[in-house]
Amino acid sequence: MQIFVGLGNPGAKYAGNRHNIGFMALDRIAGDHGFGPWKAKFQGQLAEGLLGREKVLLLKPETFMNLSGQSVGDAMRFYKLDPADVTVFHDELDLAPGKCKVKSGGGHAGHNGLRSIHAHIGEAYRRVRLGIGHPGRKELVAAYVLHDFHKADQDWLDDLMRGMSDGAPHLAEGDPGKFMNAVGLRMSPPRPSKTPSKPKPDAAPKAAPDDSASGDDTRNPLQRLADKFR
């Protein structure tokens, strides 16, 4: 069993925020893979289902971002799981919008949700880092992450969600490479070849029958020459 955690803030006010991209990812996975209904549990919303052959719990903490670790820690301990069984989907300022990377362990890089999870379960969990870009200056970060995605972002955002949903079974089965391939196919699908196929050459025209080659032609050469000018 594994737990996939999506980070965000609860309530309609925050639903479209950049900070809530983790919630968005879990909602897409739950819908595409036939997970059960969301139920209030572990200070969050929990849904159960299968990804490939793996049983997976989807958890959206409702403690607000800065206390996410409380919910994650409660769920992990209840099911007697290790930090390595936990995968956290979260927004990443240090990646360009639409970029996605998988990482295990390491620091929290100032992300308050990850900071809280570190405090409750340690750092040995896996993260799916979802790029939202950086506003350019540190003092703009809070307003930036708590602002909705722009309309211009919707195409790449939808492709990213589809790609993560496509690849979720691979991630659950421990193959992040195949997960990333699935995301890549949605974000940058292969282009069809522009080289037109060469037409097949027409069959050589059949030569008109030559009466002169026939053994039935009884004309002499002078008669045949004269017939050509008639």
Protein backbone atom coordinates (compact mmCIF):
# COMPACT_ATOMS: atom_id res chain seq x y z
CA MET A 1 0.00 0.00 0.00
CA GLN A 2 1.09 3.55 -0.73
CA ILE A 3 -0.11 7.06 0.01
CA PHE A 4 -0.14 9.73 -2.70
CA VAL A 5 -0.42 13.14 -1.05
CA GLY A 6 -1.48 16.28 -2.88
CA LEU A 7 -0.61 19.61 -1.25
CA GLY A 8 -2.91 22.61 -1.29
CA ASN A 9 -5.31 24.67 0.78
CA PRO A 10 -8.94 23.64 1.39
CA GLY A 11 -11.96 25.56 0.17
CA ALA A 12 -13.29 27.02 -3.08
CA LYS A 13 -11.35 30.25 -2.50
CA TYR A 14 -8.06 28.44 -3.12
CA ALA A 15 -9.16 25.75 -5.58
CA GLY A 16 -7.60 27.34 -8.68
CA ASN A 17 -4.42 28.63 -6.98
CA ARG A 18 -0.96 27.68 -8.18
CA HIS A 19 -0.32 26.44 -4.64
CA ASN A 20 -3.11 23.87 -5.13
CA ILE A 21 -1.64 22.04 -8.11
CA GLY A 22 -1.08 19.02 -5.85
CA PHE A 23 -4.81 18.81 -5.11
CA MET A 24 -5.50 19.12 -8.84
CA ALA A 25 -3.19 16.21 -9.63
CA LEU A 26 -4.93 13.89 -7.15
CA ASP A 27 -8.39 14.90 -8.36
CA ARG A 28 -7.39 13.99 -11.91
CA ILE A 29 -5.89 10.64 -10.89
CA ALA A 30 -8.94 9.77 -8.77
CA GLY A 31 -11.36 10.58 -11.58
CA ASP A 32 -9.46 8.81 -14.36
CA HIS A 33 -8.72 5.63 -12.40
CA GLY A 34 -12.08 5.02 -10.76
CA PHE A 35 -11.15 5.70 -7.13
CA GLY A 36 -13.80 5.56 -4.44
CA PRO A 37 -15.48 8.69 -3.06
CA TRP A 38 -13.54 11.20 -1.02
CA LYS A 39 -14.07 10.75 2.71
CA ALA A 40 -13.07 12.95 5.64
CA LYS A 41 -10.20 11.22 7.45
CA PHE A 42 -6.79 12.07 8.97
CA GLN A 43 -7.58 15.81 8.97
CA GLY A 44 -8.04 15.63 5.22
CA GLN A 45 -9.90 14.02 2.33
CA LEU A 46 -9.05 10.38 1.54
CA ALA A 47 -9.91 8.22 -1.48
CA GLU A 48 -8.95 4.58 -2.06
CA GLY A 49 -8.30 2.73 -5.30
CA LEU A 50 -5.88 0.80 -7.48
CA LEU A 51 -3.14 2.05 -9.77
CA GLY A 52 -2.09 -0.93 -11.83
CA ARG A 53 -1.80 -3.73 -9.29
CA GLU A 54 -0.99 -1.41 -6.37
CA LYS A 55 -3.45 -0.26 -3.72
CA VAL A 56 -3.06 3.48 -3.29
CA LEU A 57 -4.58 5.98 -0.86
CA LEU A 58 -4.99 9.53 -2.16
CA LEU A 59 -4.78 12.13 0.61
CA LYS A 60 -5.51 15.86 0.43
CA PRO A 61 -4.68 17.41 3.83
CA GLU A 62 -7.19 20.03 4.98
CA THR A 63 -4.99 21.50 7.69
CA PHE A 64 -3.89 24.31 5.34
CA MET A 65 -0.51 24.09 3.69
CA ASN A 66 1.71 24.98 6.65
CA LEU A 67 0.40 22.06 8.76
CA SER A 68 0.19 19.40 6.05
CA GLY A 69 2.54 17.08 7.93
CA GLN A 70 -0.03 16.47 10.67
CA SER A 71 -2.40 14.80 8.22
CA VAL A 72 0.33 12.86 6.40
CA GLY A 73 1.89 11.63 9.64
CA ASP A 74 -1.47 10.46 11.03
CA ALA A 75 -2.26 8.46 7.88
CA MET A 76 1.21 6.94 7.59
CA ARG A 77 1.23 5.77 11.20
CA PHE A 78 -2.33 4.42 11.08
CA TYR A 79 -1.49 2.16 8.11
CA LYS A 80 1.97 1.33 9.52
CA LEU A 81 3.74 2.60 6.43
CA ASP A 82 7.25 3.95 5.99
CA PRO A 83 8.17 7.39 4.56
CA ALA A 84 9.32 5.59 1.40
CA ASP A 85 5.66 4.58 0.83
CA VAL A 86 4.63 8.24 0.63
CA THR A 87 4.66 10.32 -2.57
CA VAL A 88 3.90 14.05 -2.32
CA PHE A 89 2.69 16.11 -5.32
CA HIS A 90 3.49 19.81 -4.82
CA ASP A 91 4.08 23.11 -6.57
CA GLU A 92 7.70 24.00 -7.37
CA LEU A 93 8.85 27.59 -7.86
CA ASP A 94 12.27 26.54 -9.13
CA LEU A 95 10.89 24.72 -12.18
CA ALA A 96 9.44 26.39 -15.26
CA PRO A 97 5.65 26.16 -15.67
CA GLY A 98 4.68 22.70 -16.88
CA LYS A 99 7.96 21.01 -15.95
CA CYS A 100 7.77 17.90 -13.78
CA LYS A 101 10.48 16.07 -11.87
CA VAL A 102 10.51 13.16 -9.44
CA LYS A 103 12.82 13.24 -6.45
CA SER A 104 13.36 11.10 -3.34
CA GLY A 105 14.66 12.61 -0.12
CA GLY A 106 16.48 15.91 0.24
CA GLY A 107 15.56 19.28 1.68
CA HIS A 108 12.30 21.18 1.57
CA ALA A 109 13.75 24.28 -0.21
CA GLY A 110 11.59 26.59 1.90
CA HIS A 111 8.28 25.05 0.83
CA ASN A 112 6.07 25.29 3.93
CA GLY A 113 4.07 22.17 3.15
CA LEU A 114 7.21 20.08 2.73
CA ARG A 115 8.73 21.70 5.81
CA SER A 116 5.78 20.45 7.86
CA ILE A 117 5.97 16.95 6.36
CA HIS A 118 9.70 16.84 7.14
CA ALA A 119 8.91 17.65 10.74
CA HIS A 120 6.39 14.80 11.07
CA ILE A 121 7.82 11.93 8.99
CA GLY A 122 11.37 12.94 8.04
CA GLU A 123 12.71 13.54 4.56
CA ALA A 124 12.86 10.00 3.09
CA TYR A 125 9.68 10.32 1.04
CA ARG A 126 9.25 10.80 -2.69
CA ARG A 127 8.15 14.08 -4.25
CA VAL A 128 6.64 14.92 -7.62
CA ARG A 129 7.75 18.50 -8.21
CA LEU A 130 5.32 20.41 -10.44
CA GLY A 131 6.74 23.56 -11.96
CA ILE A 132 4.77 26.78 -11.64
CA GLY A 133 7.62 29.23 -12.36
CA HIS A 134 8.90 32.04 -10.14
CA PRO A 135 7.57 35.63 -10.01
CA GLY A 136 11.15 36.96 -10.03
CA ARG A 137 11.38 38.49 -6.57
CA LYS A 138 11.10 36.82 -3.17
CA GLU A 139 8.63 39.36 -1.82
CA LEU A 140 6.19 38.48 -4.63
CA VAL A 141 6.15 34.73 -3.94
CA ALA A 142 3.28 34.60 -1.41
CA ALA A 143 0.87 36.51 -3.65
CA TYR A 144 2.03 34.55 -6.70
CA VAL A 145 1.41 31.06 -5.31
CA LEU A 146 -1.96 32.10 -3.86
CA HIS A 147 -3.13 33.43 -7.22
CA ASP A 148 -5.11 31.37 -9.72
CA PHE A 149 -3.48 30.01 -12.86
CA HIS A 150 -4.07 32.30 -15.83
CA LYS A 151 -6.27 31.28 -18.76
CA ALA A 152 -3.13 31.07 -20.88
CA ASP A 153 -1.85 28.33 -18.55
CA GLN A 154 -4.83 26.04 -18.99
CA ASP A 155 -3.56 24.13 -22.04
CA TRP A 156 -0.23 23.07 -20.54
CA LEU A 157 -1.86 22.52 -17.15
CA ASP A 158 -4.40 20.12 -18.65
CA ASP A 159 -1.67 18.28 -20.57
CA LEU A 160 0.36 17.97 -17.36
CA MET A 161 -2.61 16.58 -15.44
CA ARG A 162 -3.36 14.07 -18.19
CA GLY A 163 0.28 12.99 -18.34
CA MET A 164 0.51 12.43 -14.59
CA SER A 165 -2.71 10.44 -14.64
CA ASP A 166 -1.43 8.32 -17.55
CA GLY A 167 1.80 7.62 -15.69
CA ALA A 168 0.40 7.18 -12.17
CA PRO A 169 0.34 3.35 -12.34
CA HIS A 170 4.05 3.34 -13.26
CA LEU A 171 4.82 5.63 -10.33
CA ALA A 172 2.89 3.36 -7.97
CA GLU A 173 4.80 0.35 -9.29
CA GLY A 174 8.14 2.03 -8.60
CA ASP A 175 9.09 3.12 -12.12
CA PRO A 176 9.46 6.92 -12.14
CA GLY A 177 11.14 6.75 -15.56
CA LYS A 178 8.00 5.41 -17.22
CA PHE A 179 5.96 7.95 -15.27
CA MET A 180 8.09 10.76 -16.69
CA ASN A 181 7.80 9.28 -20.20
CA ALA A 182 3.99 9.38 -19.91
CA VAL A 183 4.13 13.03 -18.84
CA GLY A 184 6.51 13.83 -21.69
CA LEU A 185 4.21 12.27 -24.29
CA ARG A 186 1.40 14.57 -23.19
CA MET A 187 3.53 17.70 -22.89
CA SER A 188 5.51 17.17 -26.13
CA PRO A 189 3.72 14.62 -28.33
CA PRO A 190 5.73 13.30 -31.29
CA ARG A 191 5.17 15.27 -34.47
CA PRO A 192 3.96 13.47 -37.57
CA SER A 193 6.49 13.25 -40.39
CA LYS A 194 6.16 16.04 -42.98
CA THR A 195 7.98 14.11 -45.71
CA PRO A 196 5.40 13.11 -48.34
CA SER A 197 5.51 9.54 -49.48
CA LYS A 198 6.95 9.14 -52.95
CA PRO A 199 4.41 8.11 -55.59
CA LYS A 200 5.01 4.78 -57.19
CA PRO A 201 6.25 5.11 -60.77
CA ASP A 202 3.65 4.31 -63.39
CA ALA A 203 4.13 1.15 -65.34
CA ALA A 204 5.90 1.73 -68.63
CA PRO A 205 3.37 2.19 -71.48
CA LYS A 206 2.98 -0.76 -73.66
CA ALA A 207 4.32 -0.34 -77.14
CA ALA A 208 1.79 -0.30 -79.94
CA PRO A 209 1.85 -3.46 -81.92
CA ASP A 210 4.17 -3.31 -84.89
CA ASP A 211 2.55 -4.87 -87.87
CA SER A 212 5.92 -5.10 -89.53
CA ALA A 213 7.04 -7.55 -86.86
CA SER A 214 4.18 -9.84 -87.63
CA GLY A 215 4.80 -12.72 -89.85
CA ASP A 216 1.42 -12.02 -91.58
CA ASP A 217 2.66 -8.80 -93.25
CA THR A 218 3.20 -9.69 -96.90
CA ARG A 219 3.96 -6.16 -98.14
CA ASN A 220 7.33 -5.43 -99.64
CA PRO A 221 9.42 -2.60 -98.18
CA LEU A 222 8.31 -0.11 -100.87
CA GLN A 223 4.64 -0.79 -100.16
CA ARG A 224 5.14 -0.38 -96.41
CA LEU A 225 6.90 2.98 -96.95
CA ALA A 226 4.10 4.18 -99.23
CA ASP A 227 1.44 3.15 -96.67
CA LYS A 228 3.05 5.40 -94.05
CA PHE A 229 2.32 8.51 -96.14
CA ARG A 230 -1.27 7.69 -97.06
